[in-house]
Amino acid sequence: MDTLSGQRTNGIEYPILFPIKVIGTSTPSYEKLVLEILREYAPDVDNHKVIASESKTKKYTSLTCTFSAKSREHLEEIYRALKASPLVSIVI
């Protein structure tokens, strides 16, 4: 259903600020790679609003990034692009 303020899908009205969590192998290039992929689809990702956490063993790093999702299809494109990276284990 379309509304004047945006597109509504499954109760979510787009555009919407959407937090995405990406978990992957801790390497020096991991955070840079994730941000490059995200910026390709969502240039509004702000470095200062990225929350990074390491696992207890420091084997994995979790990045939470918030961006403006334009539609469900936009989100699906981003999920596919992130999952295609060998450094990314999980996208939530």
C-alpha atoms as a PDB file:
ATOM      1  CA  MET A   1       0.000   0.000   0.000  1.00  0.00           C
ATOM      2  CA  ASP A   2       1.328   3.473  -0.881  1.00  0.00           C
ATOM      3  CA  THR A   3       0.811   6.500   1.322  1.00  0.00           C
ATOM      4  CA  LEU A   4       1.652  10.167   0.882  1.00  0.00           C
ATOM      5  CA  SER A   5       4.661   9.815   3.173  1.00  0.00           C
ATOM      6  CA  GLY A   6       6.095   6.713   1.573  1.00  0.00           C
ATOM      7  CA  GLN A   7       5.703   3.088   0.738  1.00  0.00           C
ATOM      8  CA  ARG A   8       4.184   0.697   3.299  1.00  0.00           C
ATOM      9  CA  THR A   9       5.192  -2.975   3.278  1.00  0.00           C
ATOM     10  CA  ASN A  10       4.243  -5.476   5.993  1.00  0.00           C
ATOM     11  CA  GLY A  11       3.514  -2.690   8.464  1.00  0.00           C
ATOM     12  CA  ILE A  12       6.808  -0.896   7.822  1.00  0.00           C
ATOM     13  CA  GLU A  13       6.610   2.521   6.212  1.00  0.00           C
ATOM     14  CA  TYR A  14       9.521   3.436   3.948  1.00  0.00           C
ATOM     15  CA  PRO A  15      11.773   5.310   3.962  1.00  0.00           C
ATOM     16  CA  ILE A  16      12.811   4.377   7.495  1.00  0.00           C
ATOM     17  CA  LEU A  17      15.998   4.644   9.546  1.00  0.00           C
ATOM     18  CA  PHE A  18      17.074   1.023   9.753  1.00  0.00           C
ATOM     19  CA  PRO A  19      19.787  -0.491  11.967  1.00  0.00           C
ATOM     20  CA  ILE A  20      21.606  -3.436  10.425  1.00  0.00           C
ATOM     21  CA  LYS A  21      24.018  -5.691  12.324  1.00  0.00           C
ATOM     22  CA  VAL A  22      26.838  -7.353  10.411  1.00  0.00           C
ATOM     23  CA  ILE A  23      28.987 -10.004  12.093  1.00  0.00           C
ATOM     24  CA  GLY A  24      32.186 -11.225  10.525  1.00  0.00           C
ATOM     25  CA  THR A  25      35.769 -12.296  10.927  1.00  0.00           C
ATOM     26  CA  SER A  26      37.935  -9.729  12.712  1.00  0.00           C
ATOM     27  CA  THR A  27      40.522  -8.562  10.209  1.00  0.00           C
ATOM     28  CA  PRO A  28      42.119  -5.157   9.641  1.00  0.00           C
ATOM     29  CA  SER A  29      39.992  -4.662   6.500  1.00  0.00           C
ATOM     30  CA  TYR A  30      36.641  -5.970   7.819  1.00  0.00           C
ATOM     31  CA  GLU A  31      35.082  -2.690   9.006  1.00  0.00           C
ATOM     32  CA  LYS A  32      36.283  -0.813   5.913  1.00  0.00           C
ATOM     33  CA  LEU A  33      34.849  -3.504   3.615  1.00  0.00           C
ATOM     34  CA  VAL A  34      31.440  -3.505   5.333  1.00  0.00           C
ATOM     35  CA  LEU A  35      31.205   0.291   5.189  1.00  0.00           C
ATOM     36  CA  GLU A  36      32.205   0.329   1.501  1.00  0.00           C
ATOM     37  CA  ILE A  37      29.470  -2.184   0.669  1.00  0.00           C
ATOM     38  CA  LEU A  38      26.882  -0.278   2.696  1.00  0.00           C
ATOM     39  CA  ARG A  39      27.830   3.082   1.171  1.00  0.00           C
ATOM     40  CA  GLU A  40      27.419   1.654  -2.313  1.00  0.00           C
ATOM     41  CA  TYR A  41      23.705   1.188  -1.538  1.00  0.00           C
ATOM     42  CA  ALA A  42      23.180   3.677   1.302  1.00  0.00           C
ATOM     43  CA  PRO A  43      25.528   6.667   1.095  1.00  0.00           C
ATOM     44  CA  ASP A  44      24.030   8.168   4.271  1.00  0.00           C
ATOM     45  CA  VAL A  45      25.812   5.692   6.598  1.00  0.00           C
ATOM     46  CA  ASP A  46      27.641   7.825   9.183  1.00  0.00           C
ATOM     47  CA  ASN A  47      31.027   6.575  10.493  1.00  0.00           C
ATOM     48  CA  HIS A  48      30.348   8.237  13.842  1.00  0.00           C
ATOM     49  CA  LYS A  49      27.170   6.212  14.331  1.00  0.00           C
ATOM     50  CA  VAL A  50      28.723   2.798  13.641  1.00  0.00           C
ATOM     51  CA  ILE A  51      28.856   0.667  16.785  1.00  0.00           C
ATOM     52  CA  ALA A  52      31.597  -1.968  16.779  1.00  0.00           C
ATOM     53  CA  SER A  53      31.939  -4.831  19.283  1.00  0.00           C
ATOM     54  CA  GLU A  54      34.441  -7.673  19.386  1.00  0.00           C
ATOM     55  CA  SER A  55      33.631 -11.181  20.546  1.00  0.00           C
ATOM     56  CA  LYS A  56      35.262 -12.421  23.759  1.00  0.00           C
ATOM     57  CA  THR A  57      37.788 -14.394  21.723  1.00  0.00           C
ATOM     58  CA  LYS A  58      38.305 -11.417  19.364  1.00  0.00           C
ATOM     59  CA  LYS A  59      37.702 -13.753  16.421  1.00  0.00           C
ATOM     60  CA  TYR A  60      34.556 -11.878  15.304  1.00  0.00           C
ATOM     61  CA  THR A  61      33.511  -8.247  15.095  1.00  0.00           C
ATOM     62  CA  SER A  62      29.912  -7.039  15.138  1.00  0.00           C
ATOM     63  CA  LEU A  63      29.083  -3.754  13.395  1.00  0.00           C
ATOM     64  CA  THR A  64      25.732  -2.025  13.843  1.00  0.00           C
ATOM     65  CA  CYS A  65      25.092   0.646  11.209  1.00  0.00           C
ATOM     66  CA  THR A  66      21.985   2.776  10.743  1.00  0.00           C
ATOM     67  CA  PHE A  67      20.908   4.070   7.337  1.00  0.00           C
ATOM     68  CA  SER A  68      17.801   5.199   5.490  1.00  0.00           C
ATOM     69  CA  ALA A  69      16.121   2.174   3.869  1.00  0.00           C
ATOM     70  CA  LYS A  70      14.065   3.235   0.864  1.00  0.00           C
ATOM     71  CA  SER A  71      12.116  -0.021   0.378  1.00  0.00           C
ATOM     72  CA  ARG A  72      12.094  -3.728   1.182  1.00  0.00           C
ATOM     73  CA  GLU A  73      13.886  -4.338  -2.120  1.00  0.00           C
ATOM     74  CA  HIS A  74      16.572  -1.836  -1.079  1.00  0.00           C
ATOM     75  CA  LEU A  75      17.120  -3.795   2.161  1.00  0.00           C
ATOM     76  CA  GLU A  76      17.278  -7.097   0.283  1.00  0.00           C
ATOM     77  CA  GLU A  77      19.936  -5.705  -2.084  1.00  0.00           C
ATOM     78  CA  ILE A  78      22.063  -4.635   0.868  1.00  0.00           C
ATOM     79  CA  TYR A  79      21.660  -8.003   2.631  1.00  0.00           C
ATOM     80  CA  ARG A  80      22.674  -9.861  -0.560  1.00  0.00           C
ATOM     81  CA  ALA A  81      25.724  -7.655  -1.129  1.00  0.00           C
ATOM     82  CA  LEU A  82      26.921  -8.077   2.463  1.00  0.00           C
ATOM     83  CA  LYS A  83      26.336 -11.843   2.509  1.00  0.00           C
ATOM     84  CA  ALA A  84      28.377 -12.188  -0.705  1.00  0.00           C
ATOM     85  CA  SER A  85      31.532 -11.107   1.152  1.00  0.00           C
ATOM     86  CA  PRO A  86      33.677 -13.969   2.478  1.00  0.00           C
ATOM     87  CA  LEU A  87      34.452 -11.909   5.614  1.00  0.00           C
ATOM     88  CA  VAL A  88      30.764 -11.590   6.566  1.00  0.00           C
ATOM     89  CA  SER A  89      29.263 -14.463   8.570  1.00  0.00           C
ATOM     90  CA  ILE A  90      25.832 -13.130   9.609  1.00  0.00           C
ATOM     91  CA  VAL A  91      23.630 -10.168   8.646  1.00  0.00           C
ATOM     92  CA  ILE A  92      20.756  -9.333  11.007  1.00  0.00           C
END
